[in-house]
Every structure is written in structure tokens, then in C-alpha cells.
Amino acid sequence: ASSKLQALWNHPVGPKTIHFWAPTFKWGIS
């Protein structure tokens, strides 16, 4: 599980980037 979380964290559209957070907050419109 730790390696999968590390992979998610370091992914180019992971939680460290705007590419994750912008669509996440866009769900509010839907």
C-alpha cells in the first residue's frame, strides 16, 4: 500500500499538482 500511495503522490496528475485539485474542486459545479 505504501508503494501505491507513493506512486499516486508522485504521479504527474497527483495531489501535489494543480492537475489534481482543479478537477476535484470542479466537481462542485456538477
PDB file of all heavy atoms in Angstrom:
ATOM      1  N   ALA A   1       0.833  -1.203   0.000  1.00  0.00           N
ATOM      2  CA  ALA A   1       0.000   0.000   0.000  1.00  0.00           C
ATOM      3  C   ALA A   1       0.867   1.252   0.000  1.00  0.00           C
ATOM      4  O   ALA A   1       0.528   2.244  -0.633  1.00  0.00           O
ATOM      5  CB  ALA A   1      -0.934  -0.006   1.199  1.00  0.00           C
ATOM      6  N   SER A   2       1.974   1.184   0.699  1.00  0.00           N
ATOM      7  CA  SER A   2       2.866   2.334   0.767  1.00  0.00           C
ATOM      8  C   SER A   2       3.431   2.680  -0.611  1.00  0.00           C
ATOM      9  O   SER A   2       3.514   3.852  -0.978  1.00  0.00           O
ATOM     10  CB  SER A   2       4.005   2.043   1.733  1.00  0.00           C
ATOM     11  OG  SER A   2       4.920   3.099   1.742  1.00  0.00           O
ATOM     12  N   SER A   3       3.777   1.683  -1.396  1.00  0.00           N
ATOM     13  CA  SER A   3       4.331   1.944  -2.729  1.00  0.00           C
ATOM     14  C   SER A   3       3.256   2.502  -3.659  1.00  0.00           C
ATOM     15  O   SER A   3       3.548   3.354  -4.499  1.00  0.00           O
ATOM     16  CB  SER A   3       4.947   0.672  -3.316  1.00  0.00           C
ATOM     17  OG  SER A   3       3.962  -0.315  -3.524  1.00  0.00           O
ATOM     18  N   LYS A   4       2.013   2.040  -3.504  1.00  0.00           N
ATOM     19  CA  LYS A   4       0.920   2.573  -4.337  1.00  0.00           C
ATOM     20  C   LYS A   4       0.615   4.021  -3.961  1.00  0.00           C
ATOM     21  O   LYS A   4       0.366   4.850  -4.836  1.00  0.00           O
ATOM     22  CB  LYS A   4      -0.329   1.708  -4.213  1.00  0.00           C
ATOM     23  CG  LYS A   4      -0.187   0.376  -4.899  1.00  0.00           C
ATOM     24  CD  LYS A   4      -1.500  -0.333  -4.998  1.00  0.00           C
ATOM     25  CE  LYS A   4      -1.285  -1.692  -5.593  1.00  0.00           C
ATOM     26  NZ  LYS A   4      -1.835  -1.847  -6.903  1.00  0.00           N
ATOM     27  N   LEU A   5       0.617   4.326  -2.675  1.00  0.00           N
ATOM     28  CA  LEU A   5       0.400   5.706  -2.241  1.00  0.00           C
ATOM     29  C   LEU A   5       1.545   6.607  -2.695  1.00  0.00           C
ATOM     30  O   LEU A   5       1.307   7.744  -3.108  1.00  0.00           O
ATOM     31  CB  LEU A   5       0.254   5.765  -0.717  1.00  0.00           C
ATOM     32  CG  LEU A   5      -1.051   5.229  -0.147  1.00  0.00           C
ATOM     33  CD1 LEU A   5      -1.012   5.225   1.372  1.00  0.00           C
ATOM     34  CD2 LEU A   5      -2.226   6.044  -0.649  1.00  0.00           C
ATOM     35  N   GLN A   6       2.764   6.096  -2.644  1.00  0.00           N
ATOM     36  CA  GLN A   6       3.920   6.860  -3.108  1.00  0.00           C
ATOM     37  C   GLN A   6       3.810   7.128  -4.609  1.00  0.00           C
ATOM     38  O   GLN A   6       4.091   8.241  -5.070  1.00  0.00           O
ATOM     39  CB  GLN A   6       5.222   6.100  -2.788  1.00  0.00           C
ATOM     40  CG  GLN A   6       6.468   6.898  -3.034  1.00  0.00           C
ATOM     41  CD  GLN A   6       6.626   8.037  -2.036  1.00  0.00           C
ATOM     42  OE1 GLN A   6       6.137   7.985  -0.917  1.00  0.00           O
ATOM     43  NE2 GLN A   6       7.298   9.084  -2.461  1.00  0.00           N
ATOM     44  N   ALA A   7       3.366   6.129  -5.371  1.00  0.00           N
ATOM     45  CA  ALA A   7       3.197   6.302  -6.816  1.00  0.00           C
ATOM     46  C   ALA A   7       2.112   7.335  -7.108  1.00  0.00           C
ATOM     47  O   ALA A   7       2.263   8.174  -8.001  1.00  0.00           O
ATOM     48  CB  ALA A   7       2.863   4.962  -7.467  1.00  0.00           C
ATOM     49  N   LEU A   8       0.996   7.292  -6.364  1.00  0.00           N
ATOM     50  CA  LEU A   8      -0.073   8.275  -6.539  1.00  0.00           C
ATOM     51  C   LEU A   8       0.433   9.671  -6.191  1.00  0.00           C
ATOM     52  O   LEU A   8       0.189  10.632  -6.921  1.00  0.00           O
ATOM     53  CB  LEU A   8      -1.283   7.927  -5.673  1.00  0.00           C
ATOM     54  CG  LEU A   8      -2.386   8.982  -5.617  1.00  0.00           C
ATOM     55  CD1 LEU A   8      -3.058   9.110  -6.984  1.00  0.00           C
ATOM     56  CD2 LEU A   8      -3.404   8.653  -4.556  1.00  0.00           C
ATOM     57  N   TRP A   9       1.151   9.778  -5.090  1.00  0.00           N
ATOM     58  CA  TRP A   9       1.656  11.073  -4.632  1.00  0.00           C
ATOM     59  C   TRP A   9       2.595  11.703  -5.660  1.00  0.00           C
ATOM     60  O   TRP A   9       2.557  12.904  -5.900  1.00  0.00           O
ATOM     61  CB  TRP A   9       2.371  10.896  -3.289  1.00  0.00           C
ATOM     62  CG  TRP A   9       2.840  12.183  -2.702  1.00  0.00           C
ATOM     63  CD1 TRP A   9       4.129  12.639  -2.658  1.00  0.00           C
ATOM     64  CD2 TRP A   9       2.043  13.186  -2.091  1.00  0.00           C
ATOM     65  NE1 TRP A   9       4.179  13.856  -2.047  1.00  0.00           N
ATOM     66  CE2 TRP A   9       2.901  14.225  -1.686  1.00  0.00           C
ATOM     67  CE3 TRP A   9       0.687  13.311  -1.831  1.00  0.00           C
ATOM     68  CZ2 TRP A   9       2.465  15.365  -1.045  1.00  0.00           C
ATOM     69  CZ3 TRP A   9       0.239  14.448  -1.187  1.00  0.00           C
ATOM     70  CH2 TRP A   9       1.118  15.467  -0.809  1.00  0.00           C
ATOM     71  N   ASN A  10       3.410  10.888  -6.306  1.00  0.00           N
ATOM     72  CA  ASN A  10       4.407  11.394  -7.249  1.00  0.00           C
ATOM     73  C   ASN A  10       3.927  11.390  -8.701  1.00  0.00           C
ATOM     74  O   ASN A  10       4.689  11.763  -9.593  1.00  0.00           O
ATOM     75  CB  ASN A  10       5.697  10.576  -7.135  1.00  0.00           C
ATOM     76  CG  ASN A  10       6.381  10.822  -5.805  1.00  0.00           C
ATOM     77  OD1 ASN A  10       6.389  11.946  -5.308  1.00  0.00           O
ATOM     78  ND2 ASN A  10       6.932   9.780  -5.223  1.00  0.00           N
ATOM     79  N   HIS A  11       2.708  10.998  -8.958  1.00  0.00           N
ATOM     80  CA  HIS A  11       2.176  10.946 -10.323  1.00  0.00           C
ATOM     81  C   HIS A  11       2.081  12.364 -10.896  1.00  0.00           C
ATOM     82  O   HIS A  11       1.845  13.325 -10.162  1.00  0.00           O
ATOM     83  CB  HIS A  11       0.784  10.288 -10.307  1.00  0.00           C
ATOM     84  CG  HIS A  11       0.300   9.891 -11.652  1.00  0.00           C
ATOM     85  ND1 HIS A  11      -0.380  10.753 -12.475  1.00  0.00           N
ATOM     86  CD2 HIS A  11       0.397   8.719 -12.324  1.00  0.00           C
ATOM     87  CE1 HIS A  11      -0.685  10.141 -13.599  1.00  0.00           C
ATOM     88  NE2 HIS A  11      -0.221   8.900 -13.538  1.00  0.00           N
ATOM     89  N   PRO A  12       2.250  12.521 -12.224  1.00  0.00           N
ATOM     90  CA  PRO A  12       2.169  13.863 -12.835  1.00  0.00           C
ATOM     91  C   PRO A  12       0.823  14.572 -12.638  1.00  0.00           C
ATOM     92  O   PRO A  12       0.754  15.794 -12.729  1.00  0.00           O
ATOM     93  CB  PRO A  12       2.422  13.598 -14.319  1.00  0.00           C
ATOM     94  CG  PRO A  12       3.168  12.312 -14.362  1.00  0.00           C
ATOM     95  CD  PRO A  12       2.685  11.513 -13.186  1.00  0.00           C
ATOM     96  N   VAL A  13      -0.243  13.822 -12.369  1.00  0.00           N
ATOM     97  CA  VAL A  13      -1.524  14.457 -12.061  1.00  0.00           C
ATOM     98  C   VAL A  13      -1.963  14.083 -10.640  1.00  0.00           C
ATOM     99  O   VAL A  13      -3.148  14.000 -10.341  1.00  0.00           O
ATOM    100  CB  VAL A  13      -2.624  14.101 -13.107  1.00  0.00           C
ATOM    101  CG1 VAL A  13      -2.323  14.725 -14.429  1.00  0.00           C
ATOM    102  CG2 VAL A  13      -2.822  12.598 -13.222  1.00  0.00           C
ATOM    103  N   GLY A  14      -0.982  13.876  -9.765  1.00  0.00           N
ATOM    104  CA  GLY A  14      -1.251  13.508  -8.379  1.00  0.00           C
ATOM    105  C   GLY A  14      -1.586  14.713  -7.515  1.00  0.00           C
ATOM    106  O   GLY A  14      -1.621  15.859  -7.981  1.00  0.00           O
ATOM    107  N   PRO A  15      -1.809  14.463  -6.227  1.00  0.00           N
ATOM    108  CA  PRO A  15      -2.245  15.515  -5.307  1.00  0.00           C
ATOM    109  C   PRO A  15      -1.253  16.660  -5.090  1.00  0.00           C
ATOM    110  O   PRO A  15      -1.613  17.678  -4.519  1.00  0.00           O
ATOM    111  CB  PRO A  15      -2.478  14.770  -3.986  1.00  0.00           C
ATOM    112  CG  PRO A  15      -2.527  13.348  -4.324  1.00  0.00           C
ATOM    113  CD  PRO A  15      -1.818  13.148  -5.612  1.00  0.00           C
ATOM    114  N   LYS A  16      -0.037  16.511  -5.547  1.00  0.00           N
ATOM    115  CA  LYS A  16       0.935  17.606  -5.419  1.00  0.00           C
ATOM    116  C   LYS A  16       0.783  18.633  -6.535  1.00  0.00           C
ATOM    117  O   LYS A  16       1.487  19.641  -6.532  1.00  0.00           O
ATOM    118  CB  LYS A  16       2.367  17.051  -5.460  1.00  0.00           C
ATOM    119  CG  LYS A  16       2.736  16.224  -4.261  1.00  0.00           C
ATOM    120  CD  LYS A  16       4.228  15.978  -4.141  1.00  0.00           C
ATOM    121  CE  LYS A  16       4.854  15.361  -5.359  1.00  0.00           C
ATOM    122  NZ  LYS A  16       6.265  15.003  -5.168  1.00  0.00           N
ATOM    123  N   THR A  17      -0.126  18.411  -7.473  1.00  0.00           N
ATOM    124  CA  THR A  17      -0.226  19.294  -8.640  1.00  0.00           C
ATOM    125  C   THR A  17      -1.608  19.926  -8.751  1.00  0.00           C
ATOM    126  O   THR A  17      -2.588  19.430  -8.206  1.00  0.00           O
ATOM    127  CB  THR A  17       0.037  18.511  -9.938  1.00  0.00           C
ATOM    128  OG1 THR A  17      -1.029  17.597 -10.149  1.00  0.00           O
ATOM    129  CG2 THR A  17       1.350  17.755  -9.878  1.00  0.00           C
ATOM    130  N   ILE A  18      -1.675  20.995  -9.494  1.00  0.00           N
ATOM    131  CA  ILE A  18      -2.956  21.653  -9.786  1.00  0.00           C
ATOM    132  C   ILE A  18      -3.820  20.757 -10.661  1.00  0.00           C
ATOM    133  O   ILE A  18      -5.048  20.861 -10.651  1.00  0.00           O
ATOM    134  CB  ILE A  18      -2.720  23.031 -10.441  1.00  0.00           C
ATOM    135  CG1 ILE A  18      -4.020  23.842 -10.527  1.00  0.00           C
ATOM    136  CG2 ILE A  18      -2.149  22.874 -11.848  1.00  0.00           C
ATOM    137  CD1 ILE A  18      -4.561  24.291  -9.226  1.00  0.00           C
ATOM    138  N   HIS A  19      -3.181  19.856 -11.405  1.00  0.00           N
ATOM    139  CA  HIS A  19      -3.918  18.957 -12.295  1.00  0.00           C
ATOM    140  C   HIS A  19      -4.797  17.985 -11.525  1.00  0.00           C
ATOM    141  O   HIS A  19      -5.695  17.379 -12.091  1.00  0.00           O
ATOM    142  CB  HIS A  19      -2.949  18.190 -13.204  1.00  0.00           C
ATOM    143  CG  HIS A  19      -2.043  19.077 -13.973  1.00  0.00           C
ATOM    144  ND1 HIS A  19      -2.500  19.946 -14.940  1.00  0.00           N
ATOM    145  CD2 HIS A  19      -0.703  19.264 -13.893  1.00  0.00           C
ATOM    146  CE1 HIS A  19      -1.478  20.615 -15.437  1.00  0.00           C
ATOM    147  NE2 HIS A  19      -0.385  20.233 -14.813  1.00  0.00           N
ATOM    148  N   PHE A  20      -4.549  17.834 -10.253  1.00  0.00           N
ATOM    149  CA  PHE A  20      -5.403  17.021  -9.385  1.00  0.00           C
ATOM    150  C   PHE A  20      -6.486  17.885  -8.742  1.00  0.00           C
ATOM    151  O   PHE A  20      -7.663  17.521  -8.737  1.00  0.00           O
ATOM    152  CB  PHE A  20      -4.563  16.346  -8.296  1.00  0.00           C
ATOM    153  CG  PHE A  20      -5.388  15.597  -7.282  1.00  0.00           C
ATOM    154  CD1 PHE A  20      -5.815  14.318  -7.545  1.00  0.00           C
ATOM    155  CD2 PHE A  20      -5.726  16.182  -6.070  1.00  0.00           C
ATOM    156  CE1 PHE A  20      -6.580  13.618  -6.612  1.00  0.00           C
ATOM    157  CE2 PHE A  20      -6.485  15.503  -5.136  1.00  0.00           C
ATOM    158  CZ  PHE A  20      -6.923  14.208  -5.411  1.00  0.00           C
ATOM    159  N   TRP A  21      -6.098  19.028  -8.199  1.00  0.00           N
ATOM    160  CA  TRP A  21      -7.016  19.822  -7.396  1.00  0.00           C
ATOM    161  C   TRP A  21      -8.046  20.596  -8.209  1.00  0.00           C
ATOM    162  O   TRP A  21      -9.186  20.750  -7.775  1.00  0.00           O
ATOM    163  CB  TRP A  21      -6.238  20.770  -6.473  1.00  0.00           C
ATOM    164  CG  TRP A  21      -5.518  19.973  -5.440  1.00  0.00           C
ATOM    165  CD1 TRP A  21      -4.182  19.720  -5.386  1.00  0.00           C
ATOM    166  CD2 TRP A  21      -6.107  19.251  -4.361  1.00  0.00           C
ATOM    167  NE1 TRP A  21      -3.898  18.901  -4.327  1.00  0.00           N
ATOM    168  CE2 TRP A  21      -5.068  18.595  -3.669  1.00  0.00           C
ATOM    169  CE3 TRP A  21      -7.406  19.076  -3.900  1.00  0.00           C
ATOM    170  CZ2 TRP A  21      -5.283  17.794  -2.561  1.00  0.00           C
ATOM    171  CZ3 TRP A  21      -7.626  18.290  -2.784  1.00  0.00           C
ATOM    172  CH2 TRP A  21      -6.571  17.665  -2.131  1.00  0.00           C
ATOM    173  N   ALA A  22      -7.683  21.076  -9.382  1.00  0.00           N
ATOM    174  CA  ALA A  22      -8.645  21.833 -10.201  1.00  0.00           C
ATOM    175  C   ALA A  22      -9.864  20.983 -10.558  1.00  0.00           C
ATOM    176  O   ALA A  22     -11.000  21.402 -10.319  1.00  0.00           O
ATOM    177  CB  ALA A  22      -7.968  22.387 -11.437  1.00  0.00           C
ATOM    178  N   PRO A  23      -9.695  19.779 -11.107  1.00  0.00           N
ATOM    179  CA  PRO A  23     -10.882  18.982 -11.404  1.00  0.00           C
ATOM    180  C   PRO A  23     -11.615  18.524 -10.139  1.00  0.00           C
ATOM    181  O   PRO A  23     -12.838  18.371 -10.146  1.00  0.00           O
ATOM    182  CB  PRO A  23     -10.364  17.790 -12.199  1.00  0.00           C
ATOM    183  CG  PRO A  23      -8.899  17.853 -12.199  1.00  0.00           C
ATOM    184  CD  PRO A  23      -8.488  19.180 -11.662  1.00  0.00           C
ATOM    185  N   THR A  24     -10.880  18.319  -9.066  1.00  0.00           N
ATOM    186  CA  THR A  24     -11.531  17.896  -7.824  1.00  0.00           C
ATOM    187  C   THR A  24     -12.506  18.968  -7.343  1.00  0.00           C
ATOM    188  O   THR A  24     -13.641  18.667  -6.966  1.00  0.00           O
ATOM    189  CB  THR A  24     -10.467  17.586  -6.752  1.00  0.00           C
ATOM    190  OG1 THR A  24      -9.628  16.533  -7.250  1.00  0.00           O
ATOM    191  CG2 THR A  24     -11.109  17.153  -5.452  1.00  0.00           C
ATOM    192  N   PHE A  25     -12.094  20.223  -7.384  1.00  0.00           N
ATOM    193  CA  PHE A  25     -12.992  21.300  -6.979  1.00  0.00           C
ATOM    194  C   PHE A  25     -14.060  21.586  -8.028  1.00  0.00           C
ATOM    195  O   PHE A  25     -15.133  22.089  -7.716  1.00  0.00           O
ATOM    196  CB  PHE A  25     -12.204  22.568  -6.641  1.00  0.00           C
ATOM    197  CG  PHE A  25     -11.552  22.492  -5.295  1.00  0.00           C
ATOM    198  CD1 PHE A  25     -10.193  22.252  -5.187  1.00  0.00           C
ATOM    199  CD2 PHE A  25     -12.293  22.630  -4.142  1.00  0.00           C
ATOM    200  CE1 PHE A  25      -9.588  22.154  -3.944  1.00  0.00           C
ATOM    201  CE2 PHE A  25     -11.709  22.534  -2.893  1.00  0.00           C
ATOM    202  CZ  PHE A  25     -10.347  22.294  -2.790  1.00  0.00           C
ATOM    203  N   LYS A  26     -13.770  21.256  -9.277  1.00  0.00           N
ATOM    204  CA  LYS A  26     -14.750  21.447 -10.347  1.00  0.00           C
ATOM    205  C   LYS A  26     -15.969  20.540 -10.153  1.00  0.00           C
ATOM    206  O   LYS A  26     -17.050  20.826 -10.662  1.00  0.00           O
ATOM    207  CB  LYS A  26     -14.078  21.170 -11.698  1.00  0.00           C
ATOM    208  CG  LYS A  26     -14.819  21.676 -12.894  1.00  0.00           C
ATOM    209  CD  LYS A  26     -13.965  21.470 -14.149  1.00  0.00           C
ATOM    210  CE  LYS A  26     -14.650  22.031 -15.357  1.00  0.00           C
ATOM    211  NZ  LYS A  26     -13.857  21.841 -16.570  1.00  0.00           N
ATOM    212  N   TRP A  27     -15.808  19.457  -9.396  1.00  0.00           N
ATOM    213  CA  TRP A  27     -16.945  18.588  -9.090  1.00  0.00           C
ATOM    214  C   TRP A  27     -18.054  19.368  -8.376  1.00  0.00           C
ATOM    215  O   TRP A  27     -19.223  18.992  -8.444  1.00  0.00           O
ATOM    216  CB  TRP A  27     -16.506  17.399  -8.234  1.00  0.00           C
ATOM    217  CG  TRP A  27     -15.952  16.280  -9.046  1.00  0.00           C
ATOM    218  CD1 TRP A  27     -14.642  15.929  -9.188  1.00  0.00           C
ATOM    219  CD2 TRP A  27     -16.694  15.369  -9.852  1.00  0.00           C
ATOM    220  NE1 TRP A  27     -14.533  14.864 -10.035  1.00  0.00           N
ATOM    221  CE2 TRP A  27     -15.773  14.494 -10.457  1.00  0.00           C
ATOM    222  CE3 TRP A  27     -18.049  15.206 -10.134  1.00  0.00           C
ATOM    223  CZ2 TRP A  27     -16.170  13.474 -11.312  1.00  0.00           C
ATOM    224  CZ3 TRP A  27     -18.435  14.185 -10.983  1.00  0.00           C
ATOM    225  CH2 TRP A  27     -17.497  13.337 -11.562  1.00  0.00           C
ATOM    226  N   GLY A  28     -17.703  20.450  -7.712  1.00  0.00           N
ATOM    227  CA  GLY A  28     -18.709  21.274  -7.034  1.00  0.00           C
ATOM    228  C   GLY A  28     -19.741  21.840  -8.001  1.00  0.00           C
ATOM    229  O   GLY A  28     -20.921  21.963  -7.658  1.00  0.00           O
ATOM    230  N   ILE A  29     -19.326  22.170  -9.226  1.00  0.00           N
ATOM    231  CA  ILE A  29     -20.262  22.682 -10.231  1.00  0.00           C
ATOM    232  C   ILE A  29     -21.262  21.596 -10.610  1.00  0.00           C
ATOM    233  O   ILE A  29     -22.468  21.845 -10.693  1.00  0.00           O
ATOM    234  CB  ILE A  29     -19.508  23.191 -11.473  1.00  0.00           C
ATOM    235  CG1 ILE A  29     -18.596  24.363 -11.104  1.00  0.00           C
ATOM    236  CG2 ILE A  29     -20.481  23.581 -12.581  1.00  0.00           C
ATOM    237  CD1 ILE A  29     -17.626  24.763 -12.204  1.00  0.00           C
ATOM    238  N   SER A  30     -20.754  20.385 -10.820  1.00  0.00           N
ATOM    239  CA  SER A  30     -21.666  19.283 -11.164  1.00  0.00           C
ATOM    240  C   SER A  30     -22.606  18.955 -10.012  1.00  0.00           C
ATOM    241  O   SER A  30     -23.789  18.689 -10.232  1.00  0.00           O
ATOM    242  CB  SER A  30     -20.868  18.037 -11.558  1.00  0.00           C
ATOM    243  OG  SER A  30     -20.196  18.252 -12.767  1.00  0.00           O
TER     244      SER A  30
END
